[in-house]
Amino acid sequence: MSEPLSPLNQGLNPLRDAPLWGQLVALPTASPAIGSRVATPMTAPLWLALQPYANARLCLFEVDRPESKEPIPIRRHVLDVFLRFERVVGGYDDTALTDPGDVRYAGFLCRAAVLPLATSNTFDWLAAEQDWGTPGFRDGQPLPWDPALLGTVVAPCEGVIWLGDLALLEPEGVLPNQPRAQFAGCLVQHFGARYGSGGIGLLTQPLLGEAIDLILKPHSVLVLRAGDTLTLLAERYGTTVQTLRRFNPHLESTQTITTAEGDSLTVLAGRHGTTIETLRRLNPELQQAEPYITAAGDTLTAVAAAFEMTVTALRELNPDYARWPRYDPLPIGTELLVLAVRPSAPLQSGQPLLVPAFMPSTELPAGEWIVIPRRRATVVSDVWDTSTPPEVPEA
């Protein structure tokens, strides 16, 4: 009988920012013949010479379409690498991809293996032995092998790292009993940047191992302890339950409930630690729209407030008014679409609805790991839409 999937491994923490995802595939164990495009099998690839010096293991995620806004993870890649410390990122040189306290490393890939996405063991990628292939190949370069056998390496991409003595890894794949700082998030910034795009670089990369530039992010993943809940983690790390779910889509697994008398979207969102928008997304019947005819003095802000919507949602339903300033009067007699089910309106009793399975107070499985979102400054909305509402004259 196959082992059941761990609830925290349905998606293995895919981070949904498209620019931070990468795609990897392994190369066939072969070496190009000089002056020929014919692959010659290698019994002892030269890149294995680096293996005794490997001091870290990575788990990176491959997605179906890296350029997508919401890429779908399809498998994981395990990489043994040799890394050397470069420097700690300071406040003066952090970027959109780094934070103060992150650590820069540089080195080389030693060997690689591919694992399926779903697993019953969060740390199976730390099993001592894997079905090793070869290092990955960077994107956009001439291919000396059959292109049908090859894929791409797209950076930057994110994953997790074990930085420690690889001799401590056990056959079944568990987190070694070392300081937790050795297990952290990571961001691969470059593959093969040190070799150049062609010539000797093209030959050196598949033979000696892909160069890699990496950022260790010690505060981006967390190993759960007994008693951890979404509420406690949100308070501890200055975030929200909904944000934790968004960065860890496996926490968005659902269950079906039946509405009772007095239930509304507002009540259900509070009870299950989610948002009204998420409930609508999970239950398309709650997204039904109905027409509204504007009257004198109506604005996008006033109509949205009357139907307990956001201006953004109102604009999405009415794309002709997507660029209409929120405080400008709307033409009288205009037909706008609004959501038929208001958040405060009582729902029909006995109605089946999907809600998040992990409630804010649900104790999470100890020993698993999740992604902790980083804190970033609030983005100011478009200037054209930030004017103050008109003053109402006194009677």
Protein backbone atom coordinates (compact mmCIF):
# COMPACT_ATOMS: atom_id res chain seq x y z
CA MET A 1 0.00 0.00 0.00
CA SER A 2 1.39 3.39 -0.93
CA GLU A 3 2.18 5.76 1.91
CA PRO A 4 -0.39 8.58 2.29
CA LEU A 5 0.68 12.08 1.31
CA SER A 6 1.59 14.44 4.08
CA PRO A 7 -0.85 17.39 4.10
CA LEU A 8 2.12 19.78 3.95
CA ASN A 9 3.55 18.14 0.84
CA GLN A 10 0.68 18.44 -1.60
CA GLY A 11 2.49 21.40 -3.14
CA LEU A 12 5.84 21.50 -1.30
CA ASN A 13 5.72 25.20 -0.57
CA PRO A 14 5.62 26.67 -4.08
CA LEU A 15 6.38 30.40 -3.90
CA ARG A 16 3.98 32.06 -6.28
CA ASP A 17 6.06 35.04 -7.50
CA ALA A 18 6.79 34.09 -11.10
CA PRO A 19 10.22 35.83 -11.38
CA LEU A 20 11.48 33.75 -8.46
CA TRP A 21 10.76 30.39 -10.05
CA GLY A 22 13.20 28.38 -12.15
CA GLN A 23 13.13 25.35 -14.35
CA LEU A 24 15.76 22.61 -14.38
CA VAL A 25 16.33 19.37 -16.18
CA ALA A 26 19.21 16.92 -15.96
CA LEU A 27 21.56 16.14 -18.82
CA PRO A 28 22.24 12.65 -20.13
CA THR A 29 25.53 11.26 -18.89
CA ALA A 30 27.40 12.00 -22.09
CA SER A 31 30.25 14.09 -23.45
CA PRO A 32 30.29 15.78 -26.88
CA ALA A 33 32.91 14.54 -29.28
CA ILE A 34 35.26 17.30 -30.42
CA GLY A 35 34.13 18.66 -33.77
CA SER A 36 31.00 16.53 -33.72
CA ARG A 37 27.45 16.68 -32.37
CA VAL A 38 27.44 12.97 -31.55
CA ALA A 39 27.15 12.13 -27.85
CA THR A 40 29.73 9.73 -26.43
CA PRO A 41 28.74 7.82 -23.25
CA MET A 42 30.94 8.62 -20.25
CA THR A 43 31.68 5.92 -17.69
CA ALA A 44 33.22 8.43 -15.25
CA PRO A 45 32.05 12.00 -15.96
CA LEU A 46 34.62 14.63 -15.09
CA TRP A 47 32.12 16.65 -13.08
CA LEU A 48 32.06 13.85 -10.48
CA ALA A 49 35.56 14.97 -9.49
CA LEU A 50 33.90 17.80 -7.57
CA GLN A 51 31.64 15.49 -5.59
CA PRO A 52 34.04 14.89 -2.63
CA TYR A 53 33.99 18.66 -2.05
CA ALA A 54 30.21 19.06 -1.99
CA ASN A 55 29.13 20.82 1.20
CA ALA A 56 25.47 21.65 0.57
CA ARG A 57 22.32 20.15 -0.89
CA LEU A 58 19.58 22.10 -2.64
CA CYS A 59 15.97 21.32 -3.45
CA LEU A 60 14.69 23.50 -6.31
CA PHE A 61 11.29 23.46 -7.94
CA GLU A 62 10.48 23.09 -11.63
CA VAL A 63 7.29 24.68 -12.90
CA ASP A 64 5.26 24.31 -16.07
CA ARG A 65 5.60 27.92 -17.21
CA PRO A 66 8.17 30.06 -15.37
CA GLU A 67 6.87 33.24 -17.03
CA SER A 68 3.35 32.73 -15.67
CA LYS A 69 1.93 34.85 -12.86
CA GLU A 70 0.94 31.67 -11.02
CA PRO A 71 3.28 28.90 -12.25
CA ILE A 72 2.33 25.34 -11.37
CA PRO A 73 5.11 23.22 -9.79
CA ILE A 74 5.58 19.86 -11.51
CA ARG A 75 8.69 18.29 -9.92
CA ARG A 76 11.69 18.91 -7.68
CA HIS A 77 15.39 18.87 -8.42
CA VAL A 78 17.98 17.74 -5.87
CA LEU A 79 21.46 19.23 -6.30
CA ASP A 80 24.66 18.51 -4.43
CA VAL A 81 26.84 21.62 -4.70
CA PHE A 82 30.17 22.99 -3.55
CA LEU A 83 29.74 26.49 -2.12
CA ARG A 84 32.10 29.05 -0.64
CA PHE A 85 31.08 32.01 1.50
CA GLU A 86 31.14 35.41 -0.20
CA ARG A 87 29.61 37.98 2.20
CA VAL A 88 26.55 38.94 4.21
CA VAL A 89 24.01 41.22 2.53
CA GLY A 90 23.80 44.58 4.27
CA GLY A 91 21.06 47.18 4.35
CA TYR A 92 22.83 49.29 1.74
CA ASP A 93 22.87 46.61 -0.97
CA ASP A 94 19.67 44.63 -0.50
CA THR A 95 17.50 44.35 -3.60
CA ALA A 96 14.06 43.10 -4.58
CA LEU A 97 15.49 39.56 -4.30
CA THR A 98 17.62 39.93 -1.17
CA ASP A 99 17.21 41.19 2.39
CA PRO A 100 19.69 42.35 5.04
CA GLY A 101 21.06 39.28 6.78
CA ASP A 102 20.95 37.08 3.68
CA VAL A 103 24.27 35.39 2.84
CA ARG A 104 25.92 35.24 -0.59
CA TYR A 105 27.65 32.04 -1.74
CA ALA A 106 29.27 30.98 -5.00
CA GLY A 107 30.36 27.56 -6.21
CA PHE A 108 29.62 24.68 -8.55
CA LEU A 109 27.02 21.97 -9.10
CA CYS A 110 28.40 18.50 -8.40
CA ARG A 111 25.48 16.22 -9.32
CA ALA A 112 21.73 16.34 -9.72
CA ALA A 113 18.63 14.15 -9.42
CA VAL A 114 14.93 14.60 -10.16
CA LEU A 115 12.14 13.82 -7.67
CA PRO A 116 8.36 13.87 -8.12
CA LEU A 117 6.50 16.81 -6.66
CA ALA A 118 4.25 14.93 -4.23
CA THR A 119 5.84 12.97 -1.42
CA SER A 120 4.97 11.48 1.96
CA ASN A 121 8.28 12.73 3.40
CA THR A 122 9.08 16.43 3.52
CA PHE A 123 12.80 15.72 3.72
CA ASP A 124 13.11 12.90 1.17
CA TRP A 125 15.47 15.14 -0.83
CA LEU A 126 17.90 14.78 2.11
CA ALA A 127 18.12 11.00 1.69
CA ALA A 128 21.81 10.07 1.46
CA GLU A 129 21.47 8.45 -1.98
CA GLN A 130 19.44 9.65 -4.94
CA ASP A 131 19.06 8.58 -8.55
CA TRP A 132 21.87 10.87 -9.60
CA GLY A 133 22.05 12.23 -13.14
CA THR A 134 24.27 15.14 -14.20
CA PRO A 135 24.40 18.88 -13.57
CA GLY A 136 21.78 21.08 -15.20
CA PHE A 137 22.24 23.08 -18.39
CA ARG A 138 21.70 26.80 -18.63
CA ASP A 139 19.13 28.37 -20.93
CA GLY A 140 19.74 29.83 -24.35
CA GLN A 141 23.00 28.09 -25.27
CA PRO A 142 23.86 25.95 -28.34
CA LEU A 143 23.29 22.31 -27.50
CA PRO A 144 25.95 19.72 -28.44
CA TRP A 145 23.45 16.92 -27.68
CA ASP A 146 20.05 16.00 -28.99
CA PRO A 147 17.83 18.96 -27.96
CA ALA A 148 14.98 16.54 -27.27
CA LEU A 149 16.99 15.16 -24.34
CA LEU A 150 17.71 18.54 -22.81
CA GLY A 151 15.84 21.27 -21.01
CA THR A 152 16.54 24.66 -19.53
CA VAL A 153 17.87 26.26 -16.40
CA VAL A 154 16.17 29.56 -15.68
CA ALA A 155 17.39 31.78 -12.85
CA PRO A 156 16.60 33.32 -10.46
CA CYS A 157 14.73 30.44 -8.83
CA GLU A 158 14.00 29.56 -5.21
CA GLY A 159 14.06 26.48 -3.03
CA VAL A 160 15.56 25.20 0.21
CA ILE A 161 19.10 24.30 1.24
CA TRP A 162 20.87 22.05 3.72
CA LEU A 163 24.31 23.54 4.40
CA GLY A 164 26.28 21.11 6.50
CA ASP A 165 28.20 17.84 6.59
CA LEU A 166 26.62 15.68 3.88
CA ALA A 167 27.97 12.60 5.66
CA LEU A 168 25.23 13.19 8.27
CA LEU A 169 22.47 12.49 5.73
CA GLU A 170 20.53 9.29 6.43
CA PRO A 171 19.02 6.79 3.98
CA GLU A 172 15.39 7.55 4.85
CA GLY A 173 15.79 11.31 4.45
CA VAL A 174 15.37 13.32 7.68
CA LEU A 175 16.56 16.72 8.80
CA PRO A 176 19.91 16.03 10.53
CA ASN A 177 20.15 16.95 14.20
CA GLN A 178 22.17 20.10 13.60
CA PRO A 179 21.48 23.77 14.32
CA ARG A 180 18.39 24.80 12.39
CA ALA A 181 20.30 27.68 10.77
CA GLN A 182 21.87 25.07 8.49
CA PHE A 183 18.44 24.46 6.95
CA ALA A 184 17.16 27.58 5.20
CA GLY A 185 15.58 29.01 2.11
CA CYS A 186 17.77 29.76 -0.88
CA LEU A 187 17.66 31.78 -4.07
CA VAL A 188 19.80 30.79 -7.07
CA GLN A 189 20.71 34.02 -8.86
CA HIS A 190 22.84 32.63 -11.70
CA PHE A 191 23.75 29.36 -13.34
CA GLY A 192 26.95 29.23 -15.39
CA ALA A 193 27.66 32.96 -15.20
CA ARG A 194 31.38 32.37 -14.57
CA TYR A 195 31.90 30.36 -17.75
CA GLY A 196 30.56 32.66 -20.41
CA SER A 197 28.03 31.94 -23.13
CA GLY A 198 30.05 29.81 -25.54
CA GLY A 199 33.48 28.57 -26.58
CA ILE A 200 35.36 26.99 -23.70
CA GLY A 201 32.45 27.81 -21.40
CA LEU A 202 30.12 25.67 -23.49
CA LEU A 203 32.48 22.70 -23.13
CA THR A 204 33.53 23.31 -19.53
CA GLN A 205 30.02 23.57 -18.08
CA PRO A 206 28.81 20.05 -18.88
CA LEU A 207 32.19 18.50 -18.11
CA LEU A 208 33.11 20.14 -14.81
CA GLY A 209 29.78 21.23 -13.38
CA GLU A 210 27.60 24.31 -13.74
CA ALA A 211 28.75 27.41 -11.87
CA ILE A 212 26.18 28.69 -9.38
CA ASP A 213 25.65 31.95 -7.47
CA LEU A 214 23.34 31.53 -4.50
CA ILE A 215 21.71 33.58 -1.75
CA LEU A 216 21.04 31.76 1.54
CA LYS A 217 17.90 33.19 3.16
CA PRO A 218 17.96 32.06 6.81
CA HIS A 219 14.59 33.59 7.71
CA SER A 220 12.45 32.41 4.81
CA VAL A 221 11.62 28.84 5.89
CA LEU A 222 10.60 27.45 9.24
CA VAL A 223 10.59 23.96 10.73
CA LEU A 224 7.34 23.59 12.64
CA ARG A 225 7.29 22.73 16.33
CA ALA A 226 4.57 21.10 18.39
CA GLY A 227 1.79 23.60 19.09
CA ASP A 228 2.42 25.85 16.08
CA THR A 229 -0.75 27.17 14.47
CA LEU A 230 -1.39 29.66 11.69
CA THR A 231 -2.52 32.24 14.24
CA LEU A 232 0.61 31.89 16.39
CA LEU A 233 2.94 31.99 13.38
CA ALA A 234 1.19 35.04 11.92
CA GLU A 235 1.56 36.92 15.22
CA ARG A 236 5.15 35.79 15.73
CA TYR A 237 6.37 36.78 12.27
CA GLY A 238 4.30 39.90 11.69
CA THR A 239 2.09 38.55 8.93
CA THR A 240 -1.46 37.26 8.46
CA VAL A 241 -3.05 33.83 8.29
CA GLN A 242 -4.13 34.49 4.71
CA THR A 243 -0.60 35.50 3.68
CA LEU A 244 0.82 32.31 5.18
CA ARG A 245 -1.68 30.33 3.17
CA ARG A 246 -0.83 32.22 -0.01
CA PHE A 247 2.89 31.48 0.35
CA ASN A 248 2.14 27.85 1.26
CA PRO A 249 -0.65 26.71 -1.08
CA HIS A 250 -0.70 23.25 0.53
CA LEU A 251 -2.22 25.03 3.56
CA GLU A 252 -5.11 25.99 1.30
CA SER A 253 -6.42 22.43 1.08
CA THR A 254 -10.19 22.58 1.41
CA GLN A 255 -13.09 20.87 3.12
CA THR A 256 -16.83 21.04 2.47
CA ILE A 257 -19.14 22.55 5.07
CA THR A 258 -22.90 23.08 5.13
CA THR A 259 -24.13 26.57 5.90
CA ALA A 260 -26.34 27.08 8.96
CA GLU A 261 -28.86 29.76 9.82
CA GLY A 262 -27.18 33.12 10.31
CA ASP A 263 -24.11 32.28 8.23
CA SER A 264 -22.84 34.94 5.87
CA LEU A 265 -19.61 35.39 3.93
CA THR A 266 -18.33 37.70 6.65
CA VAL A 267 -19.11 35.16 9.38
CA LEU A 268 -17.58 32.24 7.48
CA ALA A 269 -14.44 34.20 6.56
CA GLY A 270 -13.84 35.05 10.23
CA ARG A 271 -14.61 31.53 11.45
CA HIS A 272 -12.24 29.84 9.00
CA GLY A 273 -9.49 32.45 9.00
CA THR A 274 -9.78 33.36 5.36
CA THR A 275 -11.06 36.20 3.19
CA ILE A 276 -14.34 36.83 1.43
CA GLU A 277 -12.43 36.92 -1.88
CA THR A 278 -11.04 33.43 -1.20
CA LEU A 279 -14.50 32.07 -0.40
CA ARG A 280 -15.78 33.47 -3.68
CA ARG A 281 -12.84 31.94 -5.57
CA LEU A 282 -13.46 28.51 -4.02
CA ASN A 283 -17.21 28.73 -4.68
CA PRO A 284 -17.94 30.21 -8.13
CA GLU A 285 -21.66 30.41 -7.37
CA LEU A 286 -20.82 33.24 -4.95
CA GLN A 287 -19.41 35.28 -7.86
CA GLN A 288 -22.74 35.74 -9.63
CA ALA A 289 -23.37 39.31 -10.75
CA GLU A 290 -26.50 41.38 -11.21
CA PRO A 291 -27.09 44.76 -12.92
CA TYR A 292 -27.32 48.10 -11.13
CA ILE A 293 -28.43 51.37 -12.75
CA THR A 294 -26.50 54.41 -11.53
CA ALA A 295 -28.27 57.43 -10.07
CA ALA A 296 -27.26 61.06 -9.60
CA GLY A 297 -24.10 61.42 -7.50
CA ASP A 298 -23.00 57.79 -7.84
CA THR A 299 -19.24 57.18 -7.99
CA LEU A 300 -17.27 53.96 -8.16
CA THR A 301 -16.47 54.38 -4.47
CA ALA A 302 -20.12 54.92 -3.50
CA VAL A 303 -21.42 51.97 -5.55
CA ALA A 304 -18.69 49.66 -4.23
CA ALA A 305 -19.50 50.64 -0.64
CA ALA A 306 -23.24 50.15 -1.16
CA PHE A 307 -22.72 46.59 -2.36
CA GLU A 308 -19.88 45.82 0.10
CA MET A 309 -17.33 45.44 -2.68
CA THR A 310 -13.91 46.89 -3.33
CA VAL A 311 -13.42 49.38 -6.14
CA THR A 312 -10.97 46.93 -7.68
CA ALA A 313 -13.63 44.19 -7.81
CA LEU A 314 -16.15 46.62 -9.27
CA ARG A 315 -13.72 47.63 -12.00
CA GLU A 316 -12.99 43.98 -12.82
CA LEU A 317 -16.70 43.37 -13.38
CA ASN A 318 -16.96 46.53 -15.48
CA PRO A 319 -13.80 46.83 -17.60
CA ASP A 320 -15.18 49.87 -19.45
CA TYR A 321 -14.72 51.78 -16.19
CA ALA A 322 -11.35 50.30 -15.22
CA ARG A 323 -9.68 53.71 -15.62
CA TRP A 324 -12.58 55.82 -14.33
CA PRO A 325 -11.40 57.84 -11.28
CA ARG A 326 -13.01 56.43 -8.18
CA TYR A 327 -14.42 59.76 -6.93
CA ASP A 328 -15.66 61.14 -10.26
CA PRO A 329 -19.47 61.05 -10.75
CA LEU A 330 -20.67 58.28 -13.05
CA PRO A 331 -23.09 59.00 -15.95
CA ILE A 332 -26.68 58.73 -14.75
CA GLY A 333 -28.47 55.64 -16.03
CA THR A 334 -25.31 53.60 -16.59
CA GLU A 335 -25.71 49.86 -16.10
CA LEU A 336 -22.99 48.41 -13.88
CA LEU A 337 -22.53 44.80 -12.83
CA VAL A 338 -22.30 44.24 -9.06
CA LEU A 339 -21.93 41.07 -7.00
CA ALA A 340 -25.31 39.55 -6.17
CA VAL A 341 -24.23 38.01 -2.83
CA ARG A 342 -23.20 40.70 -0.36
CA PRO A 343 -20.75 39.75 2.43
CA SER A 344 -23.21 40.60 5.23
CA ALA A 345 -26.27 39.04 3.59
CA PRO A 346 -27.47 35.74 5.17
CA LEU A 347 -26.69 32.70 3.07
CA GLN A 348 -29.21 29.98 2.33
CA SER A 349 -29.16 27.30 5.06
CA GLY A 350 -27.96 23.86 3.99
CA GLN A 351 -25.78 25.21 1.17
CA PRO A 352 -22.52 23.22 0.66
CA LEU A 353 -19.45 25.45 0.44
CA LEU A 354 -15.71 24.86 0.21
CA VAL A 355 -13.61 26.45 2.96
CA PRO A 356 -9.92 26.11 3.97
CA ALA A 357 -9.25 22.85 5.82
CA PHE A 358 -6.56 24.38 8.05
CA MET A 359 -8.33 26.72 10.41
CA PRO A 360 -6.26 29.41 12.19
CA SER A 361 -6.28 27.38 15.43
CA THR A 362 -5.47 24.01 13.78
CA GLU A 363 -2.19 22.61 15.09
CA LEU A 364 0.21 22.10 12.21
CA PRO A 365 2.27 18.89 11.85
CA ALA A 366 5.50 19.21 13.87
CA GLY A 367 8.67 18.52 11.92
CA GLU A 368 7.29 19.78 8.59
CA TRP A 369 8.49 23.05 7.08
CA ILE A 370 6.75 26.09 5.61
CA VAL A 371 7.71 29.34 3.91
CA ILE A 372 7.67 32.56 5.95
CA PRO A 373 6.93 35.64 3.76
CA ARG A 374 9.39 38.48 3.88
CA ARG A 375 8.35 41.96 4.86
CA ARG A 376 8.26 44.54 2.12
CA ALA A 377 7.21 48.20 1.88
CA THR A 378 3.63 48.94 0.84
CA VAL A 379 3.30 49.83 -2.84
CA VAL A 380 1.52 53.13 -3.47
CA SER A 381 -1.37 52.92 -5.92
CA ASP A 382 -1.54 54.85 -9.21
CA VAL A 383 -1.26 58.61 -8.78
CA TRP A 384 -4.21 59.25 -11.10
CA ASP A 385 -6.53 57.41 -8.70
CA THR A 386 -5.34 58.81 -5.35
CA SER A 387 -7.16 62.13 -5.32
CA THR A 388 -9.18 62.97 -2.22
CA PRO A 389 -12.96 62.71 -2.32
CA PRO A 390 -14.84 65.94 -3.03
CA GLU A 391 -15.93 67.93 -0.01
CA VAL A 392 -19.64 67.81 0.79
CA PRO A 393 -21.07 71.35 1.28
CA GLU A 394 -22.75 72.02 4.59
CA ALA A 395 -26.53 72.26 4.61
